[in-house]
Amino acid sequence: MDETIYHVTTWQAWRAAEAAGRYEGSADDRRDGFIHFSARAQLVESVAKHRAGQSGLVLLSVDPAALGEALKWEPSRGGALFPHLYGTLPVGAVRRADDLPLGSDGRHVFPDLDA
């Protein structure tokens, strides 16, 4: 699968990753042993489930081809295949980083991913 994959983290964690040249993942990622990603069709539901009401977030759009064999598509919620990165995320694999603000309804407002 070569479509863009997505990860949400805090701006603070992303700025630290930019300085280090790599992103190590969230506490949950480190606990699980891999960095959690979503395909585009999974993104809104995943953010609503795992990041509901959180502010200060950034949406990372990542080139899966840049991750090599460390990226695995594995069954998760409802048997759907989700991308999991077994390793660190190189900053150079990130195509774009977009603010993911909360709207007035408390849900995240996603950027135009086709722009």
C-alpha atoms as a PDB file:
ATOM      1  CA  MET A   1       0.000   0.000   0.000  1.00  0.00           C
ATOM      2  CA  ASP A   2       1.524   3.290  -1.046  1.00  0.00           C
ATOM      3  CA  GLU A   3      -1.120   5.824  -0.043  1.00  0.00           C
ATOM      4  CA  THR A   4      -0.189   8.444   2.521  1.00  0.00           C
ATOM      5  CA  ILE A   5      -0.579   7.302   6.127  1.00  0.00           C
ATOM      6  CA  TYR A   6      -1.297   9.533   9.112  1.00  0.00           C
ATOM      7  CA  HIS A   7      -0.237   9.950  12.722  1.00  0.00           C
ATOM      8  CA  VAL A   8      -1.435  12.471  15.291  1.00  0.00           C
ATOM      9  CA  THR A   9       0.791  13.774  18.048  1.00  0.00           C
ATOM     10  CA  THR A  10       1.259  16.952  20.028  1.00  0.00           C
ATOM     11  CA  TRP A  11       3.029  19.955  18.556  1.00  0.00           C
ATOM     12  CA  GLN A  12       5.455  19.761  21.481  1.00  0.00           C
ATOM     13  CA  ALA A  13       6.409  16.167  20.628  1.00  0.00           C
ATOM     14  CA  TRP A  14       6.692  17.000  16.922  1.00  0.00           C
ATOM     15  CA  ARG A  15       8.973  20.004  17.547  1.00  0.00           C
ATOM     16  CA  ALA A  16      11.225  17.762  19.677  1.00  0.00           C
ATOM     17  CA  ALA A  17      11.229  15.167  16.880  1.00  0.00           C
ATOM     18  CA  GLU A  18      12.183  17.795  14.299  1.00  0.00           C
ATOM     19  CA  ALA A  19      15.136  18.808  16.467  1.00  0.00           C
ATOM     20  CA  ALA A  20      16.190  15.164  16.936  1.00  0.00           C
ATOM     21  CA  GLY A  21      15.582  14.137  13.315  1.00  0.00           C
ATOM     22  CA  ARG A  22      13.226  11.338  14.355  1.00  0.00           C
ATOM     23  CA  TYR A  23       9.983  10.731  16.219  1.00  0.00           C
ATOM     24  CA  GLU A  24      10.004   8.000  18.860  1.00  0.00           C
ATOM     25  CA  GLY A  25       6.227   7.791  19.270  1.00  0.00           C
ATOM     26  CA  SER A  26       3.849   8.573  22.106  1.00  0.00           C
ATOM     27  CA  ALA A  27       3.817   6.817  25.459  1.00  0.00           C
ATOM     28  CA  ASP A  28       1.071   4.562  24.075  1.00  0.00           C
ATOM     29  CA  ASP A  29       3.159   3.792  20.983  1.00  0.00           C
ATOM     30  CA  ARG A  30       6.197   2.910  23.081  1.00  0.00           C
ATOM     31  CA  ARG A  31       4.041   0.723  25.352  1.00  0.00           C
ATOM     32  CA  ASP A  32       2.615  -1.137  22.349  1.00  0.00           C
ATOM     33  CA  GLY A  33       6.010  -1.529  20.658  1.00  0.00           C
ATOM     34  CA  PHE A  34       5.112   0.314  17.461  1.00  0.00           C
ATOM     35  CA  ILE A  35       3.941   3.720  16.249  1.00  0.00           C
ATOM     36  CA  HIS A  36       0.230   3.738  15.405  1.00  0.00           C
ATOM     37  CA  PHE A  37      -0.836   5.148  12.041  1.00  0.00           C
ATOM     38  CA  SER A  38      -4.120   5.332  10.168  1.00  0.00           C
ATOM     39  CA  ALA A  39      -4.973   5.117   6.511  1.00  0.00           C
ATOM     40  CA  ARG A  40      -6.985   8.045   5.200  1.00  0.00           C
ATOM     41  CA  ALA A  41     -10.302   6.194   5.471  1.00  0.00           C
ATOM     42  CA  GLN A  42      -9.545   5.362   9.132  1.00  0.00           C
ATOM     43  CA  LEU A  43      -8.293   8.772  10.197  1.00  0.00           C
ATOM     44  CA  VAL A  44     -11.380  10.618  11.439  1.00  0.00           C
ATOM     45  CA  GLU A  45     -12.653   7.644  13.454  1.00  0.00           C
ATOM     46  CA  SER A  46      -9.218   6.974  14.961  1.00  0.00           C
ATOM     47  CA  VAL A  47      -8.758  10.585  16.056  1.00  0.00           C
ATOM     48  CA  ALA A  48     -12.272  10.681  17.529  1.00  0.00           C
ATOM     49  CA  LYS A  49     -11.580   7.478  19.467  1.00  0.00           C
ATOM     50  CA  HIS A  50      -8.051   8.166  20.707  1.00  0.00           C
ATOM     51  CA  ARG A  51      -7.716  11.984  20.762  1.00  0.00           C
ATOM     52  CA  ALA A  52     -11.226  13.231  21.556  1.00  0.00           C
ATOM     53  CA  GLY A  53     -11.229  16.740  23.012  1.00  0.00           C
ATOM     54  CA  GLN A  54      -7.440  17.112  22.903  1.00  0.00           C
ATOM     55  CA  SER A  55      -5.977  20.375  21.677  1.00  0.00           C
ATOM     56  CA  GLY A  56      -2.449  21.279  20.581  1.00  0.00           C
ATOM     57  CA  LEU A  57      -2.314  18.436  18.070  1.00  0.00           C
ATOM     58  CA  VAL A  58      -0.565  18.053  14.737  1.00  0.00           C
ATOM     59  CA  LEU A  59      -1.537  15.726  11.898  1.00  0.00           C
ATOM     60  CA  LEU A  60       1.503  14.148  10.251  1.00  0.00           C
ATOM     61  CA  SER A  61       1.111  12.974   6.648  1.00  0.00           C
ATOM     62  CA  VAL A  62       3.735  10.307   6.060  1.00  0.00           C
ATOM     63  CA  ASP A  63       5.177   8.635   2.959  1.00  0.00           C
ATOM     64  CA  PRO A  64       4.910   4.898   3.680  1.00  0.00           C
ATOM     65  CA  ALA A  65       7.542   4.049   1.039  1.00  0.00           C
ATOM     66  CA  ALA A  66      10.130   5.902   3.134  1.00  0.00           C
ATOM     67  CA  LEU A  67       9.568   3.541   6.076  1.00  0.00           C
ATOM     68  CA  GLY A  68      10.639   0.307   4.420  1.00  0.00           C
ATOM     69  CA  GLU A  69      10.192  -3.090   6.030  1.00  0.00           C
ATOM     70  CA  ALA A  70       9.569  -1.563   9.481  1.00  0.00           C
ATOM     71  CA  LEU A  71       6.021  -0.664   8.365  1.00  0.00           C
ATOM     72  CA  LYS A  72       3.522  -3.508   8.771  1.00  0.00           C
ATOM     73  CA  TRP A  73      -0.195  -3.528   7.952  1.00  0.00           C
ATOM     74  CA  GLU A  74      -1.824  -5.522  10.736  1.00  0.00           C
ATOM     75  CA  PRO A  75      -5.383  -6.368  11.816  1.00  0.00           C
ATOM     76  CA  SER A  76      -6.809  -4.146  14.507  1.00  0.00           C
ATOM     77  CA  ARG A  77     -10.228  -2.654  15.184  1.00  0.00           C
ATOM     78  CA  GLY A  78     -12.873  -4.861  13.570  1.00  0.00           C
ATOM     79  CA  GLY A  79     -10.222  -6.782  11.664  1.00  0.00           C
ATOM     80  CA  ALA A  80      -9.293  -3.765   9.521  1.00  0.00           C
ATOM     81  CA  LEU A  81      -5.644  -3.484   8.558  1.00  0.00           C
ATOM     82  CA  PHE A  82      -3.849  -0.569  10.210  1.00  0.00           C
ATOM     83  CA  PRO A  83      -0.290   0.607   9.502  1.00  0.00           C
ATOM     84  CA  HIS A  84       2.129   0.065  12.398  1.00  0.00           C
ATOM     85  CA  LEU A  85       5.739   1.258  12.362  1.00  0.00           C
ATOM     86  CA  TYR A  86       8.173  -0.942  14.269  1.00  0.00           C
ATOM     87  CA  GLY A  87      10.884   1.644  14.730  1.00  0.00           C
ATOM     88  CA  THR A  88      11.275   5.388  14.834  1.00  0.00           C
ATOM     89  CA  LEU A  89       9.734   7.745  12.314  1.00  0.00           C
ATOM     90  CA  PRO A  90      12.389   9.677  10.383  1.00  0.00           C
ATOM     91  CA  VAL A  91      11.423  13.339  10.077  1.00  0.00           C
ATOM     92  CA  GLY A  92      12.254  13.144   6.367  1.00  0.00           C
ATOM     93  CA  ALA A  93       9.387  10.677   5.810  1.00  0.00           C
ATOM     94  CA  VAL A  94       6.830  13.306   6.857  1.00  0.00           C
ATOM     95  CA  ARG A  95       5.316  14.991   3.795  1.00  0.00           C
ATOM     96  CA  ARG A  96       3.462  17.639   5.782  1.00  0.00           C
ATOM     97  CA  ALA A  97       2.481  18.615   9.322  1.00  0.00           C
ATOM     98  CA  ASP A  98      -0.888  20.314   9.758  1.00  0.00           C
ATOM     99  CA  ASP A  99      -2.549  21.865  12.767  1.00  0.00           C
ATOM    100  CA  LEU A 100      -5.487  19.776  14.014  1.00  0.00           C
ATOM    101  CA  PRO A 101      -7.613  22.277  15.948  1.00  0.00           C
ATOM    102  CA  LEU A 102     -10.840  21.630  17.789  1.00  0.00           C
ATOM    103  CA  GLY A 103     -13.956  23.077  16.225  1.00  0.00           C
ATOM    104  CA  SER A 104     -16.753  24.772  18.137  1.00  0.00           C
ATOM    105  CA  ASP A 105     -18.491  21.374  18.384  1.00  0.00           C
ATOM    106  CA  GLY A 106     -15.457  19.868  20.152  1.00  0.00           C
ATOM    107  CA  ARG A 107     -14.467  17.717  17.169  1.00  0.00           C
ATOM    108  CA  HIS A 108     -11.192  18.082  15.326  1.00  0.00           C
ATOM    109  CA  VAL A 109     -11.146  20.117  12.122  1.00  0.00           C
ATOM    110  CA  PHE A 110      -9.117  18.327   9.474  1.00  0.00           C
ATOM    111  CA  PRO A 111      -7.134  20.104   6.769  1.00  0.00           C
ATOM    112  CA  ASP A 112      -7.771  19.520   3.075  1.00  0.00           C
ATOM    113  CA  LEU A 113      -5.622  16.441   2.558  1.00  0.00           C
ATOM    114  CA  ASP A 114      -5.751  16.848  -1.220  1.00  0.00           C
ATOM    115  CA  ALA A 115      -4.149  20.301  -1.177  1.00  0.00           C
END
